[in-house]
Each structure stands twice: as structure tokens, then as C-alpha cells.
Amino acid sequence: MKRSWITYPIKLSLLLLVAVLTACVTEDEEDNWATAIVNVGDNVPDFTLYGSDGLEVISSSLNGQPYILNFFDTRCKASQQLFPVLQRIYDKYQGKVPILNVPRSQSEEEVKAYWDQERLSLPYYTASDKDLYYQFATSIVPRTYVVDGSGNVCLAFTDSPIADYETLDKTLGRIVDEGAGS
């Protein structure tokens, strides 16, 4: 049986399309595959966020306190899978570990509609600088950072694998316990 050379480009195109769709990469990011700018061990860049709860959060105000910074897109399956994990962490560590959920490029109205639909109670934030995400990475969401009380990234996750409850709980429990002992 003779194979046509045309089937290979079609198969390759389909494979690339599947990879793009499952990685939650937008069309303008396809050339920047998963380039992280902030990695484990790095200090977090300065930022200011405005919360759905009405509060302003300045990164320097979080010194001495661990927190989670999560960039997401509610249309992304991996982000959707992560929200219940972050909700459980939020419920357990409320008041001890802020969870800063920041949409990569969605409007506040889109995010609010999703939060209402899914009945999420953890807050979400908008950035003062629309390019905040690009201070951390060039592509892919979710992108989740666990930051210790010194402002250093101690864990970082993307869409593969997404952050899991057990790893987050164990790491945050250790950081919170260390902070209580100082």
C-alpha cells in the first residue's frame, strides 16, 4: 500500500493542535514554549493586585508571610482542575496563607461569572500592570508559585503537572510551622 506524503503534515498539524489546546497556550504564545522567567529559588518581582474582596495587595506587604500566586485562565481545563485544589487549601489555611489568583488576560467580569458558576469563595485579583504575568513567564497557564515568607519561590507548577493538594498542604504546613517558631 502506497502512503501519501500529505498524511504526515496533516498528522503533525493535528498533534501540534492537540498539544496547544491541552497546554492552555494562546496563539500569540505558541513560539514561546513554557519559558519560565521566575523559577524555584528566585525572588518574586514586585507587584500590586486589586482583589475581588476590595483589598489592595502589594507584594512587599506580604513579607514574612507565605502565599500562593496562581496565574490562570478560566477557559483552560488545567486551570479548571486546579481551582478545587486551591479552594481546599484556601479553606484550610484561611488567614495564614493568602492565595492570589490572577487571570492571565481575562476581564474581571469573565472571572466573576466563572467564580459564581463554580461557587468559589477564594478571592481573585486583577493586576495593576496588565503585563504582570509576563514578569513571571512567557506562556502556559495555570502557573502556580508557592512563595515563602522571604519572598522566595519554593515550589512552581505549570499545567503538567498541576499543583496537587498533598504537595501544597505539606509545603505550606512546613512553612507556616517554621514561621510560627521564629
N, C-alpha and C. Protein backbone atom coordinates (compact mmCIF):
# COMPACT_ATOMS: atom_id res chain seq x y z
N MET A 1 0.84 -1.18 0.00
CA MET A 1 0.00 0.00 0.00
C MET A 1 0.88 1.24 0.00
N LYS A 2 0.63 2.13 -0.89
CA LYS A 2 1.42 3.33 -1.05
C LYS A 2 0.90 4.42 -0.10
N ARG A 3 1.81 5.07 0.66
CA ARG A 3 1.42 6.14 1.58
C ARG A 3 1.67 7.49 0.94
N SER A 4 0.76 8.34 1.14
CA SER A 4 0.89 9.69 0.58
C SER A 4 1.72 10.55 1.52
N TRP A 5 2.59 11.38 0.99
CA TRP A 5 3.39 12.29 1.79
C TRP A 5 2.53 13.36 2.44
N ILE A 6 1.32 13.55 1.98
CA ILE A 6 0.42 14.57 2.52
C ILE A 6 -0.08 14.18 3.92
N THR A 7 -0.23 12.91 4.20
CA THR A 7 -0.77 12.50 5.50
C THR A 7 0.17 12.86 6.65
N TYR A 8 1.45 12.90 6.44
CA TYR A 8 2.38 13.25 7.52
C TYR A 8 2.21 14.69 7.99
N PRO A 9 2.13 15.67 7.10
CA PRO A 9 1.89 17.04 7.58
C PRO A 9 0.55 17.18 8.30
N ILE A 10 -0.46 16.47 7.83
CA ILE A 10 -1.77 16.53 8.49
C ILE A 10 -1.67 15.96 9.89
N LYS A 11 -1.03 14.81 10.03
CA LYS A 11 -0.86 14.20 11.35
C LYS A 11 -0.05 15.10 12.28
N LEU A 12 1.01 15.69 11.76
CA LEU A 12 1.84 16.59 12.56
C LEU A 12 1.04 17.82 12.99
N SER A 13 0.25 18.37 12.10
CA SER A 13 -0.58 19.53 12.42
C SER A 13 -1.60 19.19 13.51
N LEU A 14 -2.22 18.03 13.41
CA LEU A 14 -3.17 17.61 14.43
C LEU A 14 -2.49 17.41 15.78
N LEU A 15 -1.32 16.83 15.77
CA LEU A 15 -0.56 16.63 17.01
C LEU A 15 -0.21 17.97 17.65
N LEU A 16 0.24 18.92 16.87
CA LEU A 16 0.55 20.25 17.40
C LEU A 16 -0.70 20.94 17.93
N LEU A 17 -1.82 20.80 17.24
CA LEU A 17 -3.06 21.39 17.71
C LEU A 17 -3.47 20.81 19.06
N VAL A 18 -3.38 19.51 19.22
CA VAL A 18 -3.70 18.87 20.50
C VAL A 18 -2.77 19.39 21.59
N ALA A 19 -1.49 19.50 21.31
CA ALA A 19 -0.53 20.00 22.30
C ALA A 19 -0.87 21.42 22.71
N VAL A 20 -1.20 22.26 21.76
CA VAL A 20 -1.54 23.65 22.07
C VAL A 20 -2.80 23.73 22.91
N LEU A 21 -3.82 22.97 22.56
CA LEU A 21 -5.08 23.02 23.29
C LEU A 21 -4.96 22.48 24.70
N THR A 22 -4.16 21.47 24.90
CA THR A 22 -4.03 20.90 26.24
C THR A 22 -3.07 21.68 27.11
N ALA A 23 -2.22 22.50 26.53
CA ALA A 23 -1.26 23.27 27.31
C ALA A 23 -1.78 24.65 27.68
N CYS A 24 -2.97 25.02 27.25
CA CYS A 24 -3.54 26.33 27.53
C CYS A 24 -2.61 27.44 27.10
N VAL A 25 -2.17 27.34 25.86
CA VAL A 25 -1.30 28.34 25.25
C VAL A 25 -2.13 29.10 24.24
N THR A 26 -2.04 30.41 24.25
CA THR A 26 -2.76 31.19 23.26
C THR A 26 -1.96 31.25 21.97
N GLU A 27 -2.62 31.65 20.89
CA GLU A 27 -1.96 31.69 19.59
C GLU A 27 -0.72 32.57 19.59
N ASP A 28 -0.76 33.69 20.29
CA ASP A 28 0.39 34.59 20.28
C ASP A 28 1.53 34.09 21.14
N GLU A 29 1.33 33.01 21.87
CA GLU A 29 2.38 32.45 22.72
C GLU A 29 3.01 31.18 22.15
N GLU A 30 2.52 30.68 21.05
CA GLU A 30 2.98 29.40 20.54
C GLU A 30 4.48 29.33 20.32
N ASP A 31 5.12 30.45 20.03
CA ASP A 31 6.57 30.43 19.78
C ASP A 31 7.39 30.52 21.06
N ASN A 32 6.76 30.69 22.21
CA ASN A 32 7.47 30.89 23.47
C ASN A 32 7.27 29.72 24.43
N TRP A 33 7.39 28.52 24.00
CA TRP A 33 7.03 27.34 24.77
C TRP A 33 7.58 27.34 26.19
N ALA A 34 6.68 27.58 27.14
CA ALA A 34 6.89 27.35 28.57
C ALA A 34 8.17 27.96 29.11
N THR A 35 8.52 29.11 28.66
CA THR A 35 9.72 29.75 29.16
C THR A 35 9.41 30.43 30.48
N ALA A 36 9.89 29.87 31.56
CA ALA A 36 9.70 30.46 32.89
C ALA A 36 10.77 31.52 33.11
N ILE A 37 10.35 32.64 33.63
CA ILE A 37 11.28 33.71 33.99
C ILE A 37 11.58 33.63 35.48
N VAL A 38 10.57 33.30 36.27
CA VAL A 38 10.73 33.12 37.71
C VAL A 38 10.69 31.62 37.99
N ASN A 39 11.73 31.13 38.66
CA ASN A 39 11.86 29.71 38.94
C ASN A 39 12.03 29.48 40.44
N VAL A 40 12.01 28.24 40.86
CA VAL A 40 12.24 27.89 42.26
C VAL A 40 13.59 28.47 42.68
N GLY A 41 13.59 29.11 43.85
CA GLY A 41 14.80 29.74 44.37
C GLY A 41 14.89 31.23 44.07
N ASP A 42 14.10 31.70 43.10
CA ASP A 42 14.13 33.11 42.73
C ASP A 42 13.27 33.94 43.67
N ASN A 43 13.61 35.22 43.76
CA ASN A 43 12.78 36.18 44.46
C ASN A 43 11.64 36.60 43.55
N VAL A 44 10.47 36.83 44.10
CA VAL A 44 9.31 37.23 43.33
C VAL A 44 9.43 38.72 42.98
N PRO A 45 9.14 39.09 41.73
CA PRO A 45 9.16 40.52 41.36
C PRO A 45 8.08 41.28 42.14
N ASP A 46 8.28 42.58 42.29
CA ASP A 46 7.28 43.42 42.96
C ASP A 46 6.01 43.49 42.12
N PHE A 47 4.87 43.53 42.81
CA PHE A 47 3.59 43.64 42.12
C PHE A 47 2.55 44.26 43.04
N THR A 48 1.48 44.75 42.42
CA THR A 48 0.32 45.26 43.13
C THR A 48 -0.91 44.62 42.51
N LEU A 49 -1.79 44.11 43.36
CA LEU A 49 -3.02 43.46 42.91
C LEU A 49 -4.23 44.10 43.57
N TYR A 50 -5.37 44.02 42.88
CA TYR A 50 -6.62 44.52 43.42
C TYR A 50 -7.59 43.36 43.49
N GLY A 51 -8.08 43.08 44.70
CA GLY A 51 -8.87 41.87 44.94
C GLY A 51 -10.35 42.02 44.74
N SER A 52 -10.97 40.88 44.43
CA SER A 52 -12.42 40.80 44.33
C SER A 52 -13.05 41.10 45.68
N ASP A 53 -12.25 40.99 46.73
CA ASP A 53 -12.72 41.28 48.09
C ASP A 53 -12.53 42.76 48.43
N GLY A 54 -12.08 43.57 47.44
CA GLY A 54 -11.93 45.00 47.65
C GLY A 54 -10.58 45.42 48.21
N LEU A 55 -9.72 44.48 48.48
CA LEU A 55 -8.42 44.80 49.07
C LEU A 55 -7.34 44.97 48.02
N GLU A 56 -6.39 45.85 48.32
CA GLU A 56 -5.20 46.01 47.50
C GLU A 56 -4.09 45.21 48.17
N VAL A 57 -3.35 44.46 47.37
CA VAL A 57 -2.22 43.69 47.89
C VAL A 57 -0.96 44.14 47.17
N ILE A 58 0.01 44.60 47.95
CA ILE A 58 1.32 44.97 47.42
C ILE A 58 2.27 43.88 47.87
N SER A 59 3.07 43.38 46.96
CA SER A 59 3.94 42.23 47.28
C SER A 59 4.79 42.48 48.52
N SER A 60 5.28 43.68 48.70
CA SER A 60 6.12 43.96 49.88
C SER A 60 5.34 43.83 51.18
N SER A 61 4.00 43.98 51.13
CA SER A 61 3.18 43.82 52.34
C SER A 61 3.07 42.37 52.77
N LEU A 62 3.49 41.45 51.89
CA LEU A 62 3.42 40.03 52.20
C LEU A 62 4.71 39.50 52.82
N ASN A 63 5.72 40.37 52.99
CA ASN A 63 6.99 39.92 53.59
C ASN A 63 6.74 39.27 54.94
N GLY A 64 7.37 38.16 55.16
CA GLY A 64 7.21 37.41 56.40
C GLY A 64 6.05 36.43 56.36
N GLN A 65 5.30 36.42 55.27
CA GLN A 65 4.12 35.56 55.17
C GLN A 65 4.20 34.72 53.89
N PRO A 66 3.96 33.42 54.01
CA PRO A 66 3.92 32.61 52.78
C PRO A 66 2.62 32.90 52.02
N TYR A 67 2.67 32.69 50.71
CA TYR A 67 1.47 32.85 49.90
C TYR A 67 1.59 32.04 48.62
N ILE A 68 0.45 31.88 47.96
CA ILE A 68 0.40 31.22 46.66
C ILE A 68 0.00 32.27 45.64
N LEU A 69 0.75 32.32 44.55
CA LEU A 69 0.43 33.19 43.43
C LEU A 69 0.10 32.28 42.25
N ASN A 70 -1.13 32.38 41.77
CA ASN A 70 -1.60 31.49 40.71
C ASN A 70 -2.12 32.30 39.52
N PHE A 71 -1.49 32.12 38.37
CA PHE A 71 -1.97 32.72 37.12
C PHE A 71 -2.83 31.68 36.41
N PHE A 72 -3.97 32.12 35.88
CA PHE A 72 -4.93 31.17 35.32
C PHE A 72 -5.69 31.76 34.16
N ASP A 73 -6.48 30.91 33.52
CA ASP A 73 -7.48 31.29 32.54
C ASP A 73 -8.66 30.35 32.77
N THR A 74 -9.83 30.88 33.05
CA THR A 74 -10.97 30.03 33.39
C THR A 74 -11.41 29.13 32.25
N ARG A 75 -10.98 29.42 31.02
CA ARG A 75 -11.34 28.58 29.88
C ARG A 75 -10.39 27.40 29.72
N CYS A 76 -9.33 27.38 30.48
CA CYS A 76 -8.30 26.34 30.40
C CYS A 76 -8.67 25.17 31.30
N LYS A 77 -8.69 23.96 30.74
CA LYS A 77 -9.06 22.75 31.52
C LYS A 77 -8.14 22.55 32.72
N ALA A 78 -6.84 22.75 32.54
CA ALA A 78 -5.91 22.56 33.66
C ALA A 78 -6.18 23.57 34.78
N SER A 79 -6.50 24.81 34.41
CA SER A 79 -6.87 25.81 35.43
C SER A 79 -8.15 25.37 36.14
N GLN A 80 -9.12 24.90 35.38
CA GLN A 80 -10.37 24.44 35.97
C GLN A 80 -10.15 23.29 36.95
N GLN A 81 -9.21 22.40 36.64
CA GLN A 81 -8.90 21.28 37.53
C GLN A 81 -8.19 21.75 38.79
N LEU A 82 -7.45 22.84 38.70
CA LEU A 82 -6.69 23.35 39.83
C LEU A 82 -7.55 24.10 40.84
N PHE A 83 -8.61 24.77 40.40
CA PHE A 83 -9.41 25.58 41.31
C PHE A 83 -9.93 24.83 42.53
N PRO A 84 -10.46 23.61 42.41
CA PRO A 84 -10.91 22.89 43.62
C PRO A 84 -9.76 22.62 44.60
N VAL A 85 -8.58 22.36 44.09
CA VAL A 85 -7.40 22.15 44.95
C VAL A 85 -7.10 23.43 45.72
N LEU A 86 -7.06 24.55 45.01
CA LEU A 86 -6.77 25.83 45.67
C LEU A 86 -7.89 26.22 46.64
N GLN A 87 -9.13 25.86 46.33
CA GLN A 87 -10.24 26.15 47.24
C GLN A 87 -10.04 25.38 48.56
N ARG A 88 -9.64 24.12 48.47
CA ARG A 88 -9.38 23.32 49.69
C ARG A 88 -8.24 23.93 50.51
N ILE A 89 -7.18 24.34 49.83
CA ILE A 89 -6.05 24.97 50.53
C ILE A 89 -6.51 26.27 51.18
N TYR A 90 -7.27 27.06 50.45
CA TYR A 90 -7.81 28.32 50.97
C TYR A 90 -8.64 28.06 52.23
N ASP A 91 -9.51 27.08 52.17
CA ASP A 91 -10.37 26.76 53.32
C ASP A 91 -9.54 26.33 54.53
N LYS A 92 -8.47 25.59 54.29
CA LYS A 92 -7.65 25.11 55.40
C LYS A 92 -6.75 26.20 55.99
N TYR A 93 -6.16 27.03 55.15
CA TYR A 93 -5.15 27.99 55.61
C TYR A 93 -5.67 29.43 55.64
N GLN A 94 -6.98 29.61 55.56
CA GLN A 94 -7.55 30.95 55.52
C GLN A 94 -7.02 31.79 56.68
N GLY A 95 -6.51 32.96 56.37
CA GLY A 95 -5.94 33.84 57.38
C GLY A 95 -4.46 33.63 57.59
N LYS A 96 -3.92 32.50 57.17
CA LYS A 96 -2.49 32.20 57.35
C LYS A 96 -1.72 32.26 56.04
N VAL A 97 -2.38 31.87 54.95
CA VAL A 97 -1.72 31.80 53.64
C VAL A 97 -2.64 32.41 52.58
N PRO A 98 -2.35 33.64 52.16
CA PRO A 98 -3.15 34.21 51.07
C PRO A 98 -2.95 33.42 49.78
N ILE A 99 -4.02 33.30 49.03
CA ILE A 99 -3.96 32.69 47.70
C ILE A 99 -4.37 33.77 46.71
N LEU A 100 -3.41 34.16 45.90
CA LEU A 100 -3.60 35.26 44.96
C LEU A 100 -3.82 34.69 43.56
N ASN A 101 -5.08 34.60 43.16
CA ASN A 101 -5.45 34.08 41.85
C ASN A 101 -5.56 35.25 40.88
N VAL A 102 -4.73 35.23 39.83
CA VAL A 102 -4.66 36.34 38.90
C VAL A 102 -4.90 35.83 37.48
N PRO A 103 -5.94 36.34 36.81
CA PRO A 103 -6.16 35.91 35.42
C PRO A 103 -5.04 36.43 34.53
N ARG A 104 -4.61 35.58 33.62
CA ARG A 104 -3.55 35.99 32.70
C ARG A 104 -4.03 37.12 31.80
N SER A 105 -5.24 36.99 31.27
CA SER A 105 -5.69 38.03 30.33
C SER A 105 -7.21 38.20 30.29
N GLN A 106 -7.92 37.61 31.20
CA GLN A 106 -9.38 37.71 31.18
C GLN A 106 -9.85 38.94 31.96
N SER A 107 -11.04 39.40 31.60
CA SER A 107 -11.63 40.54 32.30
C SER A 107 -12.16 40.10 33.66
N GLU A 108 -12.34 41.07 34.51
CA GLU A 108 -12.90 40.79 35.84
C GLU A 108 -14.31 40.22 35.72
N GLU A 109 -15.08 40.66 34.74
CA GLU A 109 -16.44 40.17 34.54
C GLU A 109 -16.44 38.69 34.17
N GLU A 110 -15.52 38.28 33.29
CA GLU A 110 -15.43 36.87 32.90
C GLU A 110 -15.07 36.00 34.10
N VAL A 111 -14.12 36.47 34.89
CA VAL A 111 -13.68 35.70 36.05
C VAL A 111 -14.81 35.62 37.08
N LYS A 112 -15.47 36.74 37.34
CA LYS A 112 -16.57 36.74 38.32
C LYS A 112 -17.67 35.76 37.90
N ALA A 113 -18.00 35.75 36.63
CA ALA A 113 -19.04 34.83 36.14
C ALA A 113 -18.63 33.38 36.39
N TYR A 114 -17.37 33.05 36.15
CA TYR A 114 -16.90 31.69 36.39
C TYR A 114 -16.92 31.38 37.89
N TRP A 115 -16.43 32.30 38.70
CA TRP A 115 -16.40 32.10 40.16
C TRP A 115 -17.81 31.85 40.68
N ASP A 116 -18.77 32.65 40.21
CA ASP A 116 -20.16 32.48 40.63
C ASP A 116 -20.70 31.11 40.18
N GLN A 117 -20.43 30.75 38.95
CA GLN A 117 -20.91 29.47 38.41
C GLN A 117 -20.35 28.29 39.21
N GLU A 118 -19.09 28.35 39.58
CA GLU A 118 -18.44 27.25 40.29
C GLU A 118 -18.54 27.37 41.81
N ARG A 119 -19.12 28.45 42.27
CA ARG A 119 -19.31 28.71 43.72
C ARG A 119 -17.97 28.71 44.46
N LEU A 120 -16.99 29.39 43.90
CA LEU A 120 -15.68 29.51 44.54
C LEU A 120 -15.71 30.68 45.51
N SER A 121 -15.14 30.49 46.69
CA SER A 121 -15.11 31.57 47.68
C SER A 121 -13.72 32.19 47.83
N LEU A 122 -12.70 31.56 47.28
CA LEU A 122 -11.38 32.16 47.37
C LEU A 122 -11.35 33.40 46.49
N PRO A 123 -10.63 34.45 46.92
CA PRO A 123 -10.64 35.68 46.13
C PRO A 123 -9.83 35.55 44.85
N TYR A 124 -10.12 36.42 43.91
CA TYR A 124 -9.30 36.56 42.71
C TYR A 124 -8.89 38.02 42.62
N TYR A 125 -7.86 38.28 41.86
CA TYR A 125 -7.27 39.60 41.82
C TYR A 125 -7.04 40.04 40.39
N THR A 126 -6.98 41.34 40.21
CA THR A 126 -6.54 41.89 38.94
C THR A 126 -5.24 42.65 39.21
N ALA A 127 -4.38 42.68 38.23
CA ALA A 127 -3.08 43.32 38.40
C ALA A 127 -3.15 44.78 38.00
N SER A 128 -2.33 45.59 38.67
CA SER A 128 -2.23 46.99 38.28
C SER A 128 -1.53 47.10 36.94
N ASP A 129 -0.69 46.14 36.64
CA ASP A 129 0.06 46.10 35.39
C ASP A 129 -0.43 44.91 34.59
N LYS A 130 -1.04 45.15 33.44
CA LYS A 130 -1.58 44.06 32.63
C LYS A 130 -0.50 43.07 32.19
N ASP A 131 0.74 43.48 32.25
CA ASP A 131 1.84 42.60 31.85
C ASP A 131 2.47 41.85 33.03
N LEU A 132 1.80 41.83 34.17
CA LEU A 132 2.35 41.14 35.35
C LEU A 132 2.71 39.70 35.04
N TYR A 133 1.82 38.98 34.36
CA TYR A 133 2.08 37.58 34.04
C TYR A 133 3.42 37.43 33.33
N TYR A 134 3.72 38.36 32.41
CA TYR A 134 4.93 38.25 31.60
C TYR A 134 6.20 38.59 32.38
N GLN A 135 6.07 39.03 33.63
CA GLN A 135 7.23 39.16 34.51
C GLN A 135 7.61 37.79 35.08
N PHE A 136 6.69 36.84 34.98
CA PHE A 136 6.90 35.51 35.54
C PHE A 136 7.18 34.46 34.47
N ALA A 137 6.53 34.57 33.33
CA ALA A 137 6.66 33.54 32.28
C ALA A 137 6.20 34.11 30.95
N THR A 138 6.54 33.39 29.90
CA THR A 138 6.12 33.83 28.57
C THR A 138 4.92 33.05 28.05
N SER A 139 4.61 31.91 28.66
CA SER A 139 3.46 31.14 28.20
C SER A 139 3.03 30.12 29.24
N ILE A 140 1.87 29.58 29.02
CA ILE A 140 1.23 28.47 29.72
C ILE A 140 0.63 28.86 31.07
N VAL A 141 -0.62 28.51 31.22
CA VAL A 141 -1.33 28.56 32.49
C VAL A 141 -1.99 27.21 32.70
N PRO A 142 -2.31 26.82 33.89
CA PRO A 142 -2.00 27.59 35.09
C PRO A 142 -0.50 27.60 35.36
N ARG A 143 -0.11 28.61 36.07
CA ARG A 143 1.27 28.75 36.53
C ARG A 143 1.14 29.14 38.00
N THR A 144 1.57 28.24 38.87
CA THR A 144 1.33 28.38 40.30
C THR A 144 2.66 28.43 41.04
N TYR A 145 2.81 29.46 41.90
CA TYR A 145 4.04 29.64 42.68
C TYR A 145 3.70 29.61 44.16
N VAL A 146 4.45 28.84 44.94
CA VAL A 146 4.37 28.88 46.39
C VAL A 146 5.57 29.71 46.84
N VAL A 147 5.27 30.79 47.56
CA VAL A 147 6.30 31.75 47.96
C VAL A 147 6.43 31.72 49.48
N ASP A 148 7.67 31.64 49.97
CA ASP A 148 7.89 31.60 51.41
C ASP A 148 7.87 33.02 51.99
N GLY A 149 8.04 33.13 53.29
CA GLY A 149 7.97 34.41 53.98
C GLY A 149 9.08 35.38 53.60
N SER A 150 10.11 34.90 52.94
CA SER A 150 11.20 35.78 52.48
C SER A 150 11.00 36.26 51.05
N GLY A 151 9.91 35.86 50.43
CA GLY A 151 9.64 36.28 49.06
C GLY A 151 10.31 35.41 48.01
N ASN A 152 10.79 34.22 48.43
CA ASN A 152 11.43 33.30 47.50
C ASN A 152 10.46 32.21 47.06
N VAL A 153 10.53 31.85 45.79
CA VAL A 153 9.70 30.77 45.27
C VAL A 153 10.25 29.44 45.76
N CYS A 154 9.43 28.66 46.45
CA CYS A 154 9.89 27.35 46.92
C CYS A 154 9.26 26.21 46.14
N LEU A 155 8.17 26.45 45.43
CA LEU A 155 7.56 25.48 44.52
C LEU A 155 6.99 26.23 43.33
N ALA A 156 7.05 25.60 42.17
CA ALA A 156 6.45 26.19 40.97
C ALA A 156 5.83 25.06 40.15
N PHE A 157 4.62 25.30 39.66
CA PHE A 157 3.89 24.31 38.86
C PHE A 157 3.37 24.99 37.60
N THR A 158 3.23 24.19 36.55
CA THR A 158 2.54 24.65 35.35
C THR A 158 1.36 23.71 35.13
N ASP A 159 0.99 23.51 33.89
CA ASP A 159 -0.16 22.67 33.58
C ASP A 159 0.18 21.19 33.58
N SER A 160 1.45 20.85 33.68
CA SER A 160 1.83 19.44 33.64
C SER A 160 3.08 19.20 34.46
N PRO A 161 2.90 18.80 35.70
CA PRO A 161 1.63 18.56 36.39
C PRO A 161 1.14 19.85 37.05
N ILE A 162 -0.18 19.88 37.28
CA ILE A 162 -0.72 20.99 38.06
C ILE A 162 -0.40 20.72 39.53
N ALA A 163 -0.50 21.75 40.33
CA ALA A 163 -0.26 21.60 41.77
C ALA A 163 -1.31 20.66 42.36
N ASP A 164 -0.88 19.80 43.26
CA ASP A 164 -1.82 18.89 43.91
C ASP A 164 -1.95 19.26 45.39
N TYR A 165 -3.06 18.86 45.97
CA TYR A 165 -3.38 19.24 47.35
C TYR A 165 -2.31 18.76 48.33
N GLU A 166 -1.90 17.51 48.21
CA GLU A 166 -0.96 16.94 49.18
C GLU A 166 0.38 17.70 49.19
N THR A 167 0.90 18.00 48.02
CA THR A 167 2.18 18.71 47.94
C THR A 167 2.04 20.13 48.50
N LEU A 168 0.98 20.82 48.11
CA LEU A 168 0.77 22.17 48.62
C LEU A 168 0.59 22.17 50.13
N ASP A 169 -0.24 21.27 50.64
CA ASP A 169 -0.51 21.18 52.07
C ASP A 169 0.76 20.89 52.86
N LYS A 170 1.54 19.93 52.40
CA LYS A 170 2.78 19.57 53.10
C LYS A 170 3.76 20.75 53.12
N THR A 171 3.94 21.39 51.99
CA THR A 171 4.88 22.51 51.90
C THR A 171 4.40 23.70 52.73
N LEU A 172 3.14 24.05 52.60
CA LEU A 172 2.61 25.18 53.36
C LEU A 172 2.62 24.89 54.86
N GLY A 173 2.29 23.66 55.23
CA GLY A 173 2.33 23.30 56.65
C GLY A 173 3.72 23.49 57.23
N ARG A 174 4.74 23.07 56.48
CA ARG A 174 6.13 23.24 56.92
C ARG A 174 6.48 24.72 57.05
N ILE A 175 6.14 25.52 56.04
CA ILE A 175 6.48 26.94 56.05
C ILE A 175 5.75 27.66 57.20
N VAL A 176 4.47 27.38 57.37
CA VAL A 176 3.70 28.02 58.44
C VAL A 176 4.26 27.63 59.80
N ASP A 177 4.63 26.34 59.99
CA ASP A 177 5.21 25.90 61.25
C ASP A 177 6.55 26.57 61.53
N GLU A 178 7.37 26.71 60.48
CA GLU A 178 8.68 27.39 60.64
C GLU A 178 8.48 28.85 61.01
N GLY A 179 7.50 29.49 60.41
CA GLY A 179 7.21 30.89 60.71
C GLY A 179 6.69 31.08 62.12
N ALA A 180 5.94 30.11 62.62
CA ALA A 180 5.40 30.20 63.99
C ALA A 180 6.49 30.02 65.03
N GLY A 181 7.55 29.31 64.66
CA GLY A 181 8.64 29.06 65.61
C GLY A 181 9.66 30.17 65.69
N SER A 182 9.55 31.17 64.78
CA SER A 182 10.55 32.24 64.79
C SER A 182 10.14 33.42 65.59
